[in-house]
Amino acid sequence: MNPATYGTYLVTQASVSAGRETTEIVEAALDGGIDVVQLREKKTTAQRRYELGLEVREITAGADVDLIVNDRVDIAQAIDADGVHLGQSDLPVAVARELLGPEAVIGCSASTVDEARRAEADGADYLGVGTVYGTTSKEVDAYKDGVGPERIAEITDAVSIPVVGIGGITAANAGSVVDAGAVGVAVISEITAAEDPCAATESLAAAVETAKAMGDTPPHDG
């Protein structure tokens, strides 16, 4: 349960899965080497999210991979998830920490340096920064244009907790997000909508690892 290891991060969303079950997508992503799974499924009832959460929790626990619940601290507690991811309009990070305790992983969405610094001060373990590139996953006008890798760099320079880039990220552009300072990338459609989610995960993981390896390479003299 170390967010610094969240190189590839799957956020579930059944509406883009081409009719496949969320559990099927999660299993395929785990086979492909995903590092963490977030249960999102915002368009379902709390009861359905709870029931699905129990199924996904069993799968991720068997693979020793963290399960994070989007927004809902109560569901995270009920299914014994590893943590929760909160948006700017959700329960405050500090309150979630009081409820979930010191061992829980608490992530927070941030799109500005001020939001990032506040989340860190309130006890967040990692930040989800975006939308990095234009995305259609969120039906909000503000997300049509991304903040770009430049914002990733600004925020990673301003905080000491890990940053994960999210929004419009693919295997083709993931490297730029890591180059900007992110420990990894979070995706919905890149894996969930893929014809082969396992292969898509492998490609994404390879892009992230390649960028990290190049970043660790000492400068060449001469």
Protein backbone atom coordinates (compact mmCIF):
# COMPACT_ATOMS: atom_id res chain seq x y z
CA MET A 1 0.00 0.00 0.00
CA ASN A 2 2.57 2.51 -1.17
CA PRO A 3 1.22 5.06 -3.69
CA ALA A 4 4.75 5.65 -4.94
CA THR A 5 4.39 2.29 -6.69
CA TYR A 6 1.19 3.22 -8.54
CA GLY A 7 2.70 3.18 -12.01
CA THR A 8 -0.43 1.95 -13.77
CA TYR A 9 -3.80 2.72 -12.22
CA LEU A 10 -7.13 1.42 -13.51
CA VAL A 11 -10.29 3.42 -12.80
CA THR A 12 -13.36 1.29 -13.51
CA GLN A 13 -16.31 2.50 -15.54
CA ALA A 14 -18.71 -0.09 -16.94
CA SER A 15 -20.29 2.34 -19.40
CA VAL A 16 -17.22 2.16 -21.67
CA SER A 17 -16.57 -1.58 -21.31
CA ALA A 18 -18.45 -2.70 -24.45
CA GLY A 19 -20.87 -4.72 -22.36
CA ARG A 20 -18.22 -6.62 -20.44
CA GLU A 21 -18.42 -7.04 -16.67
CA THR A 22 -16.24 -4.81 -14.51
CA THR A 23 -14.81 -7.92 -12.85
CA GLU A 24 -13.72 -9.19 -16.27
CA ILE A 25 -11.91 -5.93 -17.01
CA VAL A 26 -10.24 -5.93 -13.60
CA GLU A 27 -9.04 -9.51 -13.98
CA ALA A 28 -7.62 -8.77 -17.42
CA ALA A 29 -5.87 -5.64 -16.14
CA LEU A 30 -4.38 -7.62 -13.27
CA ASP A 31 -3.11 -10.19 -15.75
CA GLY A 32 -1.53 -7.29 -17.65
CA GLY A 33 0.27 -6.01 -14.57
CA ILE A 34 -1.92 -3.19 -13.23
CA ASP A 35 -0.64 -1.74 -9.92
CA VAL A 36 -3.86 -0.42 -8.37
CA VAL A 37 -7.60 -0.46 -9.09
CA GLN A 38 -10.12 2.26 -8.27
CA LEU A 39 -13.79 1.30 -8.08
CA ARG A 40 -15.64 4.22 -9.66
CA GLU A 41 -18.97 3.17 -11.22
CA LYS A 42 -20.68 6.44 -10.36
CA LYS A 43 -23.85 5.68 -12.31
CA THR A 44 -24.80 2.72 -10.14
CA THR A 45 -26.65 2.59 -6.85
CA ALA A 46 -24.80 2.45 -3.55
CA GLN A 47 -26.00 -1.10 -3.09
CA ARG A 48 -24.68 -2.17 -6.48
CA ARG A 49 -21.35 -0.45 -5.86
CA TYR A 50 -21.11 -2.28 -2.54
CA GLU A 51 -21.89 -5.66 -4.09
CA LEU A 52 -19.51 -5.08 -6.99
CA GLY A 53 -16.92 -3.78 -4.55
CA LEU A 54 -17.00 -7.05 -2.63
CA GLU A 55 -16.36 -8.98 -5.85
CA VAL A 56 -13.55 -6.70 -6.97
CA ARG A 57 -12.04 -6.68 -3.49
CA GLU A 58 -11.76 -10.46 -3.54
CA ILE A 59 -10.03 -10.33 -6.92
CA THR A 60 -7.55 -7.57 -6.02
CA ALA A 61 -6.77 -9.08 -2.63
CA GLY A 62 -5.90 -12.35 -4.31
CA ALA A 63 -3.47 -10.48 -6.55
CA ASP A 64 -2.07 -8.38 -3.67
CA VAL A 65 -3.08 -5.17 -5.47
CA ASP A 66 -4.62 -2.15 -3.75
CA LEU A 67 -8.32 -1.40 -4.19
CA ILE A 68 -9.34 2.24 -3.86
CA VAL A 69 -12.98 3.40 -3.78
CA ASN A 70 -13.95 6.60 -5.55
CA ASP A 71 -15.69 9.18 -3.32
CA ARG A 72 -17.48 6.84 -0.93
CA VAL A 73 -15.74 6.45 2.42
CA ASP A 74 -18.64 4.35 3.69
CA ILE A 75 -18.33 1.83 0.87
CA ALA A 76 -14.56 1.71 1.30
CA GLN A 77 -15.10 0.81 4.95
CA ALA A 78 -17.85 -1.69 4.19
CA ILE A 79 -15.78 -3.72 1.71
CA ASP A 80 -12.50 -3.32 3.59
CA ALA A 81 -10.86 -1.52 0.68
CA ASP A 82 -7.32 -0.23 0.97
CA GLY A 83 -8.42 3.35 0.67
CA VAL A 84 -10.49 6.04 -0.98
CA HIS A 85 -10.03 8.68 -3.66
CA LEU A 86 -11.71 12.02 -3.07
CA GLY A 87 -12.59 14.91 -5.34
CA GLN A 88 -12.61 18.59 -4.43
CA SER A 89 -16.36 18.47 -3.65
CA ASP A 90 -16.25 15.23 -1.65
CA LEU A 91 -15.71 14.65 2.05
CA PRO A 92 -12.59 16.55 3.19
CA VAL A 93 -9.37 14.57 3.26
CA ALA A 94 -8.85 15.27 6.96
CA VAL A 95 -12.30 13.90 7.82
CA ALA A 96 -11.74 10.79 5.71
CA ARG A 97 -8.47 10.24 7.52
CA GLU A 98 -10.23 10.39 10.90
CA LEU A 99 -12.78 7.83 9.71
CA LEU A 100 -10.45 5.43 7.92
CA GLY A 101 -7.41 5.66 10.17
CA PRO A 102 -3.69 6.10 9.56
CA GLU A 103 -3.17 2.96 7.50
CA ALA A 104 -5.71 3.77 4.77
CA VAL A 105 -4.55 5.15 1.44
CA ILE A 106 -6.25 8.47 0.72
CA GLY A 107 -5.93 10.05 -2.68
CA CYS A 108 -7.24 13.43 -3.73
CA SER A 109 -7.93 14.96 -7.13
CA ALA A 110 -6.17 18.25 -7.80
CA SER A 111 -5.84 20.43 -10.86
CA THR A 112 -4.00 23.40 -9.35
CA VAL A 113 -0.96 23.89 -7.14
CA ASP A 114 -3.13 25.35 -4.37
CA GLU A 115 -5.44 22.33 -4.36
CA ALA A 116 -2.44 20.02 -4.31
CA ARG A 117 -0.77 21.76 -1.39
CA ARG A 118 -4.02 21.81 0.59
CA ALA A 119 -4.61 18.10 0.01
CA GLU A 120 -1.09 17.26 1.15
CA ALA A 121 -1.47 19.42 4.26
CA ASP A 122 -4.76 17.67 5.08
CA GLY A 123 -3.13 14.25 4.97
CA ALA A 124 -3.54 12.92 1.42
CA ASP A 125 -1.15 10.11 0.48
CA TYR A 126 -1.14 10.83 -3.24
CA LEU A 127 -2.69 13.17 -5.79
CA GLY A 128 -4.61 12.44 -8.98
CA VAL A 129 -3.77 15.38 -11.23
CA GLY A 130 -5.68 16.19 -14.38
CA THR A 131 -7.29 16.17 -16.66
CA VAL A 132 -3.87 15.97 -18.34
CA TYR A 133 -5.13 15.65 -21.90
CA GLY A 134 -8.56 16.20 -23.39
CA THR A 135 -10.92 13.41 -22.37
CA THR A 136 -14.53 12.40 -22.90
CA SER A 137 -14.80 10.29 -19.73
CA LYS A 138 -16.15 13.18 -17.68
CA GLU A 139 -19.20 15.06 -18.89
CA VAL A 140 -18.00 18.45 -17.73
CA ASP A 141 -17.01 21.30 -20.02
CA ALA A 142 -13.96 22.11 -17.89
CA TYR A 143 -12.44 18.75 -18.80
CA LYS A 144 -12.60 19.12 -22.57
CA ASP A 145 -9.14 20.65 -22.59
CA GLY A 146 -6.38 19.20 -20.46
CA VAL A 147 -3.93 20.95 -18.15
CA GLY A 148 -1.01 19.22 -19.87
CA PRO A 149 2.18 17.66 -18.50
CA GLU A 150 3.27 21.17 -17.53
CA ARG A 151 0.77 21.20 -14.67
CA ILE A 152 2.08 17.81 -13.54
CA ALA A 153 5.54 19.34 -13.31
CA GLU A 154 4.29 22.39 -11.40
CA ILE A 155 2.47 20.26 -8.86
CA THR A 156 5.23 17.67 -8.39
CA ASP A 157 7.60 20.55 -7.68
CA ALA A 158 5.18 21.95 -5.08
CA VAL A 159 4.41 18.79 -3.05
CA SER A 160 6.30 15.83 -1.65
CA ILE A 161 3.60 13.15 -2.04
CA PRO A 162 3.30 11.02 -5.21
CA VAL A 163 1.38 12.36 -8.19
CA VAL A 164 -0.57 10.23 -10.66
CA GLY A 165 -1.65 11.81 -13.94
CA ILE A 166 -5.18 11.16 -15.18
CA GLY A 167 -7.31 12.12 -18.14
CA GLY A 168 -6.92 11.27 -21.81
CA ILE A 169 -3.78 9.25 -21.16
CA THR A 170 -2.75 6.49 -23.56
CA ALA A 171 0.29 4.29 -24.02
CA ALA A 172 1.45 6.81 -26.61
CA ASN A 173 1.48 9.83 -24.31
CA ALA A 174 1.99 8.25 -20.87
CA GLY A 175 5.74 8.75 -21.08
CA SER A 176 5.36 12.52 -21.18
CA VAL A 177 3.35 12.43 -17.96
CA VAL A 178 6.02 10.39 -16.19
CA ASP A 179 8.75 12.61 -17.64
CA ALA A 180 6.96 15.56 -16.02
CA GLY A 181 7.30 13.97 -12.58
CA ALA A 182 4.31 11.69 -12.09
CA VAL A 183 4.92 8.27 -10.53
CA GLY A 184 2.32 6.81 -12.85
CA VAL A 185 -0.84 7.23 -14.88
CA ALA A 186 -4.49 6.47 -14.23
CA VAL A 187 -6.79 5.49 -17.08
CA ILE A 188 -10.36 4.50 -17.78
CA SER A 189 -10.94 4.03 -21.50
CA GLU A 190 -7.39 3.08 -22.46
CA ILE A 191 -7.90 -0.25 -20.71
CA THR A 192 -11.65 -0.64 -20.22
CA ALA A 193 -12.63 0.16 -23.81
CA ALA A 194 -9.76 -1.79 -25.34
CA GLU A 195 -10.50 -4.90 -27.37
CA ASP A 196 -7.85 -6.67 -25.29
CA PRO A 197 -7.65 -5.02 -21.82
CA CYS A 198 -4.75 -7.25 -20.77
CA ALA A 199 -2.63 -6.27 -23.77
CA ALA A 200 -3.62 -2.62 -23.32
CA THR A 201 -2.44 -2.76 -19.71
CA GLU A 202 0.85 -4.34 -20.74
CA SER A 203 1.43 -1.59 -23.32
CA LEU A 204 0.63 1.14 -20.80
CA ALA A 205 2.89 -0.41 -18.17
CA ALA A 206 5.71 -0.74 -20.69
CA ALA A 207 5.40 2.94 -21.62
CA VAL A 208 5.53 3.99 -17.98
CA GLU A 209 8.49 1.76 -17.17
CA THR A 210 10.40 2.92 -20.25
CA ALA A 211 9.91 6.56 -19.26
CA LYS A 212 11.04 5.83 -15.70
CA ALA A 213 14.11 3.95 -16.92
CA MET A 214 15.09 6.78 -19.24
CA GLY A 215 14.59 9.25 -16.43
CA ASP A 216 16.97 7.27 -14.24
CA THR A 217 19.66 7.15 -16.91
CA PRO A 218 22.63 9.40 -16.07
CA PRO A 219 23.38 12.15 -18.60
CA HIS A 220 25.74 11.06 -21.36
CA ASP A 221 29.02 12.98 -21.45
CA GLY A 222 30.59 13.80 -24.78
